């Protein structure tokens, strides 16, 4: 029986210009998932448990996205740059 839920988490940090850009794109793209608890944004500078998870799994520098089970098992690491590359450009709109 496998009824584990998967959670998408964006790890960010303070004083990190790329983090701000990625965080905005993440909020737009995963608005429903954030509302339902299926996605989250965590600031590594403010969350000690997240820092420990980041170190234990030797994750790349923030911003970085991870997919975990609801009990915290790491499933996948996704470079945050992929989120920006997937964003449609807003040039010429208005």
PDB file of N, CA and C in Angstrom:
ATOM      1  N   UNK A   1       0.845  -1.182   0.000  1.00  0.00           N
ATOM      2  CA  UNK A   1       0.000   0.000   0.000  1.00  0.00           C
ATOM      3  C   UNK A   1       0.888   1.242   0.000  1.00  0.00           C
ATOM      4  N   UNK A   2       0.758   2.035  -1.023  1.00  0.00           N
ATOM      5  CA  UNK A   2       1.625   3.210  -1.154  1.00  0.00           C
ATOM      6  C   UNK A   2       0.761   4.459  -1.288  1.00  0.00           C
ATOM      7  N   UNK A   3       0.490   5.084  -0.164  1.00  0.00           N
ATOM      8  CA  UNK A   3      -0.312   6.297  -0.223  1.00  0.00           C
ATOM      9  C   UNK A   3       0.477   7.486   0.302  1.00  0.00           C
ATOM     10  N   UNK A   4       1.766   7.485  -0.028  1.00  0.00           N
ATOM     11  CA  UNK A   4       2.626   8.594   0.373  1.00  0.00           C
ATOM     12  C   UNK A   4       2.375   9.780  -0.555  1.00  0.00           C
ATOM     13  N   UNK A   5       2.374  10.940   0.030  1.00  0.00           N
ATOM     14  CA  UNK A   5       2.191  12.171  -0.716  1.00  0.00           C
ATOM     15  C   UNK A   5       3.561  12.732  -1.072  1.00  0.00           C
ATOM     16  N   UNK A   6       3.663  13.362  -2.235  1.00  0.00           N
ATOM     17  CA  UNK A   6       4.918  14.010  -2.606  1.00  0.00           C
ATOM     18  C   UNK A   6       4.775  15.514  -2.418  1.00  0.00           C
ATOM     19  N   UNK A   7       5.853  16.123  -1.946  1.00  0.00           N
ATOM     20  CA  UNK A   7       5.884  17.556  -1.683  1.00  0.00           C
ATOM     21  C   UNK A   7       6.997  18.185  -2.523  1.00  0.00           C
ATOM     22  N   UNK A   8       6.689  19.275  -3.201  1.00  0.00           N
ATOM     23  CA  UNK A   8       7.683  20.044  -3.944  1.00  0.00           C
ATOM     24  C   UNK A   8       8.092  21.226  -3.079  1.00  0.00           C
ATOM     25  N   UNK A   9       9.393  21.343  -2.811  1.00  0.00           N
ATOM     26  CA  UNK A   9       9.884  22.423  -1.958  1.00  0.00           C
ATOM     27  C   UNK A   9      10.944  23.226  -2.691  1.00  0.00           C
ATOM     28  N   UNK A  10      10.813  24.534  -2.624  1.00  0.00           N
ATOM     29  CA  UNK A  10      11.834  25.438  -3.141  1.00  0.00           C
ATOM     30  C   UNK A  10      12.636  25.947  -1.958  1.00  0.00           C
ATOM     31  N   UNK A  11      13.946  25.680  -1.960  1.00  0.00           N
ATOM     32  CA  UNK A  11      14.835  26.225  -0.936  1.00  0.00           C
ATOM     33  C   UNK A  11      15.406  27.537  -1.449  1.00  0.00           C
ATOM     34  N   UNK A  12      15.254  28.589  -0.639  1.00  0.00           N
ATOM     35  CA  UNK A  12      15.786  29.906  -0.974  1.00  0.00           C
ATOM     36  C   UNK A  12      16.692  30.376   0.155  1.00  0.00           C
ATOM     37  N   UNK A  13      17.188  31.600   0.031  1.00  0.00           N
ATOM     38  CA  UNK A  13      18.038  32.165   1.074  1.00  0.00           C
ATOM     39  C   UNK A  13      17.946  33.677   1.085  1.00  0.00           C
ATOM     40  N   UNK A  14      18.431  34.277   2.169  1.00  0.00           N
ATOM     41  CA  UNK A  14      18.484  35.731   2.275  1.00  0.00           C
ATOM     42  C   UNK A  14      19.606  36.265   1.389  1.00  0.00           C
ATOM     43  N   UNK A  15      19.470  37.512   0.969  1.00  0.00           N
ATOM     44  CA  UNK A  15      20.500  38.184   0.170  1.00  0.00           C
ATOM     45  C   UNK A  15      20.948  37.319  -1.008  1.00  0.00           C
ATOM     46  N   UNK A  16      19.958  36.822  -1.743  1.00  0.00           N
ATOM     47  CA  UNK A  16      20.201  35.918  -2.864  1.00  0.00           C
ATOM     48  C   UNK A  16      19.331  36.383  -4.031  1.00  0.00           C
ATOM     49  N   UNK A  17      19.849  37.302  -4.875  1.00  0.00           N
ATOM     50  CA  UNK A  17      19.040  37.815  -5.987  1.00  0.00           C
ATOM     51  C   UNK A  17      18.415  36.729  -6.870  1.00  0.00           C
ATOM     52  N   UNK A  18      19.143  35.657  -7.212  1.00  0.00           N
ATOM     53  CA  UNK A  18      18.487  34.617  -8.020  1.00  0.00           C
ATOM     54  C   UNK A  18      17.312  33.966  -7.284  1.00  0.00           C
ATOM     55  N   UNK A  19      17.404  33.887  -5.958  1.00  0.00           N
ATOM     56  CA  UNK A  19      16.330  33.278  -5.163  1.00  0.00           C
ATOM     57  C   UNK A  19      15.030  34.055  -5.313  1.00  0.00           C
ATOM     58  N   UNK A  20      15.119  35.370  -5.323  1.00  0.00           N
ATOM     59  CA  UNK A  20      13.935  36.217  -5.437  1.00  0.00           C
ATOM     60  C   UNK A  20      13.232  35.976  -6.765  1.00  0.00           C
ATOM     61  N   UNK A  21      13.999  35.932  -7.844  1.00  0.00           N
ATOM     62  CA  UNK A  21      13.439  35.716  -9.176  1.00  0.00           C
ATOM     63  C   UNK A  21      12.784  34.340  -9.272  1.00  0.00           C
ATOM     64  N   UNK A  22      13.473  33.323  -8.778  1.00  0.00           N
ATOM     65  CA  UNK A  22      12.948  31.963  -8.823  1.00  0.00           C
ATOM     66  C   UNK A  22      11.711  31.834  -7.930  1.00  0.00           C
ATOM     67  N   UNK A  23      11.743  32.469  -6.773  1.00  0.00           N
ATOM     68  CA  UNK A  23      10.602  32.401  -5.853  1.00  0.00           C
ATOM     69  C   UNK A  23       9.341  32.972  -6.496  1.00  0.00           C
ATOM     70  N   UNK A  24       9.468  34.088  -7.201  1.00  0.00           N
ATOM     71  CA  UNK A  24       8.309  34.683  -7.876  1.00  0.00           C
ATOM     72  C   UNK A  24       7.762  33.741  -8.949  1.00  0.00           C
ATOM     73  N   UNK A  25       8.655  33.137  -9.734  1.00  0.00           N
ATOM     74  CA  UNK A  25       8.228  32.195 -10.771  1.00  0.00           C
ATOM     75  C   UNK A  25       7.563  30.968 -10.144  1.00  0.00           C
ATOM     76  N   UNK A  26       8.117  30.488  -9.034  1.00  0.00           N
ATOM     77  CA  UNK A  26       7.579  29.332  -8.320  1.00  0.00           C
ATOM     78  C   UNK A  26       6.165  29.635  -7.816  1.00  0.00           C
ATOM     79  N   UNK A  27       5.979  30.820  -7.237  1.00  0.00           N
ATOM     80  CA  UNK A  27       4.665  31.213  -6.710  1.00  0.00           C
ATOM     81  C   UNK A  27       3.617  31.270  -7.825  1.00  0.00           C
ATOM     82  N   UNK A  28       4.000  31.750  -9.005  1.00  0.00           N
ATOM     83  CA  UNK A  28       3.070  31.830 -10.128  1.00  0.00           C
ATOM     84  C   UNK A  28       2.729  30.437 -10.649  1.00  0.00           C
ATOM     85  N   UNK A  29       3.754  29.630 -10.855  1.00  0.00           N
ATOM     86  CA  UNK A  29       3.562  28.326 -11.482  1.00  0.00           C
ATOM     87  C   UNK A  29       2.874  27.321 -10.561  1.00  0.00           C
ATOM     88  N   UNK A  30       3.173  27.374  -9.270  1.00  0.00           N
ATOM     89  CA  UNK A  30       2.662  26.374  -8.331  1.00  0.00           C
ATOM     90  C   UNK A  30       1.683  26.972  -7.319  1.00  0.00           C
ATOM     91  N   UNK A  31       0.919  27.961  -7.742  1.00  0.00           N
ATOM     92  CA  UNK A  31      -0.017  28.660  -6.857  1.00  0.00           C
ATOM     93  C   UNK A  31      -0.998  27.687  -6.181  1.00  0.00           C
ATOM     94  N   UNK A  32      -1.614  26.813  -6.960  1.00  0.00           N
ATOM     95  CA  UNK A  32      -2.583  25.862  -6.408  1.00  0.00           C
ATOM     96  C   UNK A  32      -1.914  24.860  -5.478  1.00  0.00           C
ATOM     97  N   UNK A  33      -0.736  24.383  -5.863  1.00  0.00           N
ATOM     98  CA  UNK A  33      -0.019  23.410  -5.045  1.00  0.00           C
ATOM     99  C   UNK A  33       0.412  24.014  -3.710  1.00  0.00           C
ATOM    100  N   UNK A  34       0.805  25.284  -3.721  1.00  0.00           N
ATOM    101  CA  UNK A  34       1.183  25.964  -2.481  1.00  0.00           C
ATOM    102  C   UNK A  34      -0.045  26.076  -1.581  1.00  0.00           C
ATOM    103  N   UNK A  35      -1.178  26.451  -2.162  1.00  0.00           N
ATOM    104  CA  UNK A  35      -2.420  26.584  -1.388  1.00  0.00           C
ATOM    105  C   UNK A  35      -2.855  25.266  -0.762  1.00  0.00           C
ATOM    106  N   UNK A  36      -2.637  24.166  -1.485  1.00  0.00           N
ATOM    107  CA  UNK A  36      -3.087  22.857  -0.996  1.00  0.00           C
ATOM    108  C   UNK A  36      -2.060  22.163  -0.105  1.00  0.00           C
ATOM    109  N   UNK A  37      -0.866  22.749   0.009  1.00  0.00           N
ATOM    110  CA  UNK A  37       0.165  22.131   0.839  1.00  0.00           C
ATOM    111  C   UNK A  37       1.042  21.137   0.095  1.00  0.00           C
ATOM    112  N   UNK A  38       0.848  21.013  -1.227  1.00  0.00           N
ATOM    113  CA  UNK A  38       1.659  20.103  -2.027  1.00  0.00           C
ATOM    114  C   UNK A  38       2.991  20.730  -2.428  1.00  0.00           C
ATOM    115  N   UNK A  39       3.138  22.029  -2.228  1.00  0.00           N
ATOM    116  CA  UNK A  39       4.380  22.743  -2.535  1.00  0.00           C
ATOM    117  C   UNK A  39       4.632  23.760  -1.429  1.00  0.00           C
ATOM    118  N   UNK A  40       5.916  24.081  -1.245  1.00  0.00           N
ATOM    119  CA  UNK A  40       6.285  24.997  -0.173  1.00  0.00           C
ATOM    120  C   UNK A  40       7.555  25.746  -0.558  1.00  0.00           C
ATOM    121  N   UNK A  41       7.738  26.899   0.052  1.00  0.00           N
ATOM    122  CA  UNK A  41       8.961  27.683  -0.108  1.00  0.00           C
ATOM    123  C   UNK A  41       9.592  27.790   1.267  1.00  0.00           C
ATOM    124  N   UNK A  42      10.870  27.401   1.365  1.00  0.00           N
ATOM    125  CA  UNK A  42      11.560  27.391   2.653  1.00  0.00           C
ATOM    126  C   UNK A  42      12.849  28.192   2.534  1.00  0.00           C
ATOM    127  N   UNK A  43      13.024  29.149   3.441  1.00  0.00           N
ATOM    128  CA  UNK A  43      14.239  29.953   3.486  1.00  0.00           C
ATOM    129  C   UNK A  43      15.266  29.229   4.355  1.00  0.00           C
ATOM    130  N   UNK A  44      16.372  28.832   3.751  1.00  0.00           N
ATOM    131  CA  UNK A  44      17.412  28.097   4.477  1.00  0.00           C
ATOM    132  C   UNK A  44      18.037  28.920   5.597  1.00  0.00           C
ATOM    133  N   UNK A  45      18.015  30.243   5.461  1.00  0.00           N
ATOM    134  CA  UNK A  45      18.597  31.099   6.495  1.00  0.00           C
ATOM    135  C   UNK A  45      17.705  31.199   7.734  1.00  0.00           C
ATOM    136  N   UNK A  46      16.471  30.740   7.614  1.00  0.00           N
ATOM    137  CA  UNK A  46      15.519  30.873   8.717  1.00  0.00           C
ATOM    138  C   UNK A  46      15.014  29.540   9.257  1.00  0.00           C
ATOM    139  N   UNK A  47      15.408  28.424   8.648  1.00  0.00           N
ATOM    140  CA  UNK A  47      14.845  27.131   9.030  1.00  0.00           C
ATOM    141  C   UNK A  47      15.962  26.126   9.281  1.00  0.00           C
ATOM    142  N   UNK A  48      16.217  25.843  10.543  1.00  0.00           N
ATOM    143  CA  UNK A  48      17.320  24.957  10.916  1.00  0.00           C
ATOM    144  C   UNK A  48      17.113  23.527  10.417  1.00  0.00           C
ATOM    145  N   UNK A  49      15.883  23.027  10.460  1.00  0.00           N
ATOM    146  CA  UNK A  49      15.605  21.672   9.978  1.00  0.00           C
ATOM    147  C   UNK A  49      15.886  21.573   8.478  1.00  0.00           C
ATOM    148  N   UNK A  50      15.542  22.619   7.741  1.00  0.00           N
ATOM    149  CA  UNK A  50      15.808  22.641   6.301  1.00  0.00           C
ATOM    150  C   UNK A  50      17.311  22.677   6.031  1.00  0.00           C
ATOM    151  N   UNK A  51      18.050  23.438   6.841  1.00  0.00           N
ATOM    152  CA  UNK A  51      19.513  23.482   6.700  1.00  0.00           C
ATOM    153  C   UNK A  51      20.104  22.090   6.885  1.00  0.00           C
ATOM    154  N   UNK A  52      19.630  21.378   7.886  1.00  0.00           N
ATOM    155  CA  UNK A  52      20.128  20.035   8.167  1.00  0.00           C
ATOM    156  C   UNK A  52      19.815  19.095   7.003  1.00  0.00           C
ATOM    157  N   UNK A  53      18.598  19.164   6.470  1.00  0.00           N
ATOM    158  CA  UNK A  53      18.200  18.354   5.323  1.00  0.00           C
ATOM    159  C   UNK A  53      19.097  18.660   4.134  1.00  0.00           C
ATOM    160  N   UNK A  54      19.343  19.952   3.897  1.00  0.00           N
ATOM    161  CA  UNK A  54      20.165  20.406   2.775  1.00  0.00           C
ATOM    162  C   UNK A  54      21.583  19.843   2.887  1.00  0.00           C
ATOM    163  N   UNK A  55      22.163  19.898   4.088  1.00  0.00           N
ATOM    164  CA  UNK A  55      23.523  19.393   4.310  1.00  0.00           C
ATOM    165  C   UNK A  55      23.561  17.872   4.181  1.00  0.00           C
ATOM    166  N   UNK A  56      22.610  17.188   4.799  1.00  0.00           N
ATOM    167  CA  UNK A  56      22.580  15.721   4.771  1.00  0.00           C
ATOM    168  C   UNK A  56      22.498  15.175   3.353  1.00  0.00           C
ATOM    169  N   UNK A  57      21.831  15.892   2.476  1.00  0.00           N
ATOM    170  CA  UNK A  57      21.639  15.426   1.103  1.00  0.00           C
ATOM    171  C   UNK A  57      22.586  16.092   0.110  1.00  0.00           C
ATOM    172  N   UNK A  58      23.531  16.886   0.624  1.00  0.00           N
ATOM    173  CA  UNK A  58      24.543  17.529  -0.210  1.00  0.00           C
ATOM    174  C   UNK A  58      23.906  18.234  -1.419  1.00  0.00           C
ATOM    175  N   UNK A  59      22.903  19.051  -1.133  1.00  0.00           N
ATOM    176  CA  UNK A  59      22.175  19.744  -2.195  1.00  0.00           C
ATOM    177  C   UNK A  59      22.975  20.922  -2.732  1.00  0.00           C
ATOM    178  N   UNK A  60      22.719  21.309  -3.994  1.00  0.00           N
ATOM    179  CA  UNK A  60      23.388  22.490  -4.557  1.00  0.00           C
ATOM    180  C   UNK A  60      22.933  23.762  -3.843  1.00  0.00           C
ATOM    181  N   UNK A  61      23.647  24.839  -4.095  1.00  0.00           N
ATOM    182  CA  UNK A  61      23.308  26.127  -3.486  1.00  0.00           C
ATOM    183  C   UNK A  61      21.898  26.569  -3.876  1.00  0.00           C
ATOM    184  N   UNK A  62      21.270  27.300  -2.978  1.00  0.00           N
ATOM    185  CA  UNK A  62      19.935  27.851  -3.245  1.00  0.00           C
ATOM    186  C   UNK A  62      20.044  28.892  -4.352  1.00  0.00           C
ATOM    187  N   UNK A  63      19.038  29.032  -5.170  1.00  0.00           N
ATOM    188  CA  UNK A  63      17.754  28.356  -5.098  1.00  0.00           C
ATOM    189  C   UNK A  63      17.806  26.962  -5.725  1.00  0.00           C
ATOM    190  N   UNK A  64      17.140  26.025  -5.075  1.00  0.00           N
ATOM    191  CA  UNK A  64      17.052  24.656  -5.585  1.00  0.00           C
ATOM    192  C   UNK A  64      15.696  24.087  -5.177  1.00  0.00           C
ATOM    193  N   UNK A  65      15.131  23.259  -6.040  1.00  0.00           N
ATOM    194  CA  UNK A  65      13.852  22.619  -5.740  1.00  0.00           C
ATOM    195  C   UNK A  65      14.093  21.143  -5.471  1.00  0.00           C
ATOM    196  N   UNK A  66      13.331  20.593  -4.530  1.00  0.00           N
ATOM    197  CA  UNK A  66      13.408  19.165  -4.246  1.00  0.00           C
ATOM    198  C   UNK A  66      11.999  18.596  -4.177  1.00  0.00           C
ATOM    199  N   UNK A  67      11.903  17.324  -4.532  1.00  0.00           N
ATOM    200  CA  UNK A  67      10.663  16.580  -4.350  1.00  0.00           C
ATOM    201  C   UNK A  67      10.947  15.568  -3.257  1.00  0.00           C
ATOM    202  N   UNK A  68      10.090  15.548  -2.235  1.00  0.00           N
ATOM    203  CA  UNK A  68      10.238  14.615  -1.127  1.00  0.00           C
ATOM    204  C   UNK A  68       8.906  13.912  -0.877  1.00  0.00           C
ATOM    205  N   UNK A  69       8.982  12.801  -0.136  1.00  0.00           N
ATOM    206  CA  UNK A  69       7.753  12.190   0.350  1.00  0.00           C
ATOM    207  C   UNK A  69       7.270  13.018   1.525  1.00  0.00           C
ATOM    208  N   UNK A  70       6.057  12.770   1.953  1.00  0.00           N
ATOM    209  CA  UNK A  70       5.519  13.535   3.080  1.00  0.00           C
ATOM    210  C   UNK A  70       6.257  13.257   4.386  1.00  0.00           C
ATOM    211  N   UNK A  71       7.056  12.178   4.431  1.00  0.00           N
ATOM    212  CA  UNK A  71       7.862  11.924   5.632  1.00  0.00           C
ATOM    213  C   UNK A  71       9.317  12.357   5.459  1.00  0.00           C
ATOM    214  N   UNK A  72       9.607  13.111   4.383  1.00  0.00           N
ATOM    215  CA  UNK A  72      10.914  13.735   4.220  1.00  0.00           C
ATOM    216  C   UNK A  72      11.958  12.962   3.442  1.00  0.00           C
ATOM    217  N   UNK A  73      11.585  11.866   2.790  1.00  0.00           N
ATOM    218  CA  UNK A  73      12.549  11.114   1.984  1.00  0.00           C
ATOM    219  C   UNK A  73      12.752  11.829   0.645  1.00  0.00           C
ATOM    220  N   UNK A  74      14.018  12.093   0.311  1.00  0.00           N
ATOM    221  CA  UNK A  74      14.344  12.793  -0.935  1.00  0.00           C
ATOM    222  C   UNK A  74      14.072  11.899  -2.139  1.00  0.00           C
ATOM    223  N   UNK A  75      13.317  12.423  -3.088  1.00  0.00           N
ATOM    224  CA  UNK A  75      13.013  11.698  -4.314  1.00  0.00           C
ATOM    225  C   UNK A  75      13.795  12.273  -5.488  1.00  0.00           C
ATOM    226  N   UNK A  76      13.824  13.601  -5.605  1.00  0.00           N
ATOM    227  CA  UNK A  76      14.450  14.233  -6.764  1.00  0.00           C
ATOM    228  C   UNK A  76      14.928  15.641  -6.427  1.00  0.00           C
ATOM    229  N   UNK A  77      15.987  16.054  -7.110  1.00  0.00           N
ATOM    230  CA  UNK A  77      16.512  17.416  -6.996  1.00  0.00           C
ATOM    231  C   UNK A  77      16.352  18.067  -8.367  1.00  0.00           C
ATOM    232  N   UNK A  78      15.799  19.266  -8.389  1.00  0.00           N
ATOM    233  CA  UNK A  78      15.551  19.977  -9.646  1.00  0.00           C
ATOM    234  C   UNK A  78      16.246  21.326  -9.575  1.00  0.00           C
ATOM    235  N   UNK A  79      17.089  21.601 -10.546  1.00  0.00           N
ATOM    236  CA  UNK A  79      17.754  22.902 -10.594  1.00  0.00           C
ATOM    237  C   UNK A  79      16.696  23.982 -10.784  1.00  0.00           C
ATOM    238  N   UNK A  80      16.735  24.999  -9.971  1.00  0.00           N
ATOM    239  CA  UNK A  80      15.736  26.066 -10.026  1.00  0.00           C
ATOM    240  C   UNK A  80      15.770  26.811 -11.355  1.00  0.00           C
ATOM    241  N   UNK A  81      16.915  26.822 -12.009  1.00  0.00           N
ATOM    242  CA  UNK A  81      17.039  27.494 -13.302  1.00  0.00           C
ATOM    243  C   UNK A  81      16.042  26.917 -14.305  1.00  0.00           C
ATOM    244  N   UNK A  82      15.721  25.627 -14.165  1.00  0.00           N
ATOM    245  CA  UNK A  82      14.754  24.994 -15.061  1.00  0.00           C
ATOM    246  C   UNK A  82      13.384  25.657 -14.954  1.00  0.00           C
ATOM    247  N   UNK A  83      13.037  26.128 -13.766  1.00  0.00           N
ATOM    248  CA  UNK A  83      11.762  26.810 -13.565  1.00  0.00           C
ATOM    249  C   UNK A  83      11.729  28.114 -14.353  1.00  0.00           C
ATOM    250  N   UNK A  84      12.832  28.851 -14.330  1.00  0.00           N
ATOM    251  CA  UNK A  84      12.895  30.115 -15.072  1.00  0.00           C
ATOM    252  C   UNK A  84      12.859  29.869 -16.567  1.00  0.00           C
ATOM    253  N   UNK A  85      13.530  28.816 -17.020  1.00  0.00           N
ATOM    254  CA  UNK A  85      13.550  28.510 -18.446  1.00  0.00           C
ATOM    255  C   UNK A  85      12.178  28.073 -18.933  1.00  0.00           C
ATOM    256  N   UNK A  86      11.371  27.500 -18.043  1.00  0.00           N
ATOM    257  CA  UNK A  86      10.033  27.036 -18.410  1.00  0.00           C
ATOM    258  C   UNK A  86       9.001  28.157 -18.396  1.00  0.00           C
ATOM    259  N   UNK A  87       9.332  29.281 -17.762  1.00  0.00           N
ATOM    260  CA  UNK A  87       8.401  30.404 -17.676  1.00  0.00           C
ATOM    261  C   UNK A  87       8.238  31.065 -19.046  1.00  0.00           C
ATOM    262  N   UNK A  88       7.002  31.260 -19.485  1.00  0.00           N
ATOM    263  CA  UNK A  88       6.813  31.994 -20.742  1.00  0.00           C
ATOM    264  C   UNK A  88       7.202  33.456 -20.551  1.00  0.00           C
ATOM    265  N   UNK A  89       7.804  34.018 -21.555  1.00  0.00           N
ATOM    266  CA  UNK A  89       8.215  35.420 -21.455  1.00  0.00           C
ATOM    267  C   UNK A  89       7.009  36.323 -21.629  1.00  0.00           C
ATOM    268  N   UNK A  90       7.031  37.443 -20.960  1.00  0.00           N
ATOM    269  CA  UNK A  90       5.891  38.368 -20.991  1.00  0.00           C
ATOM    270  C   UNK A  90       6.147  39.540 -21.927  1.00  0.00           C
ATOM    271  N   UNK A  91       7.113  39.398 -22.810  1.00  0.00           N
ATOM    272  CA  UNK A  91       7.440  40.493 -23.726  1.00  0.00           C
ATOM    273  C   UNK A  91       6.263  40.778 -24.659  1.00  0.00           C
ATOM    274  N   UNK A  92       5.989  42.035 -24.826  1.00  0.00           N
ATOM    275  CA  UNK A  92       4.964  42.454 -25.762  1.00  0.00           C
ATOM    276  C   UNK A  92       3.542  42.317 -25.244  1.00  0.00           C
ATOM    277  N   UNK A  93       3.379  41.873 -24.007  1.00  0.00           N
ATOM    278  CA  UNK A  93       2.011  41.761 -23.484  1.00  0.00           C
ATOM    279  C   UNK A  93       1.583  43.095 -22.900  1.00  0.00           C
ATOM    280  N   UNK A  94       0.306  43.349 -22.933  1.00  0.00           N
ATOM    281  CA  UNK A  94      -0.154  44.574 -22.307  1.00  0.00           C
ATOM    282  C   UNK A  94      -1.194  45.217 -23.047  1.00  0.00           C
TER     283      UNK A  94
END
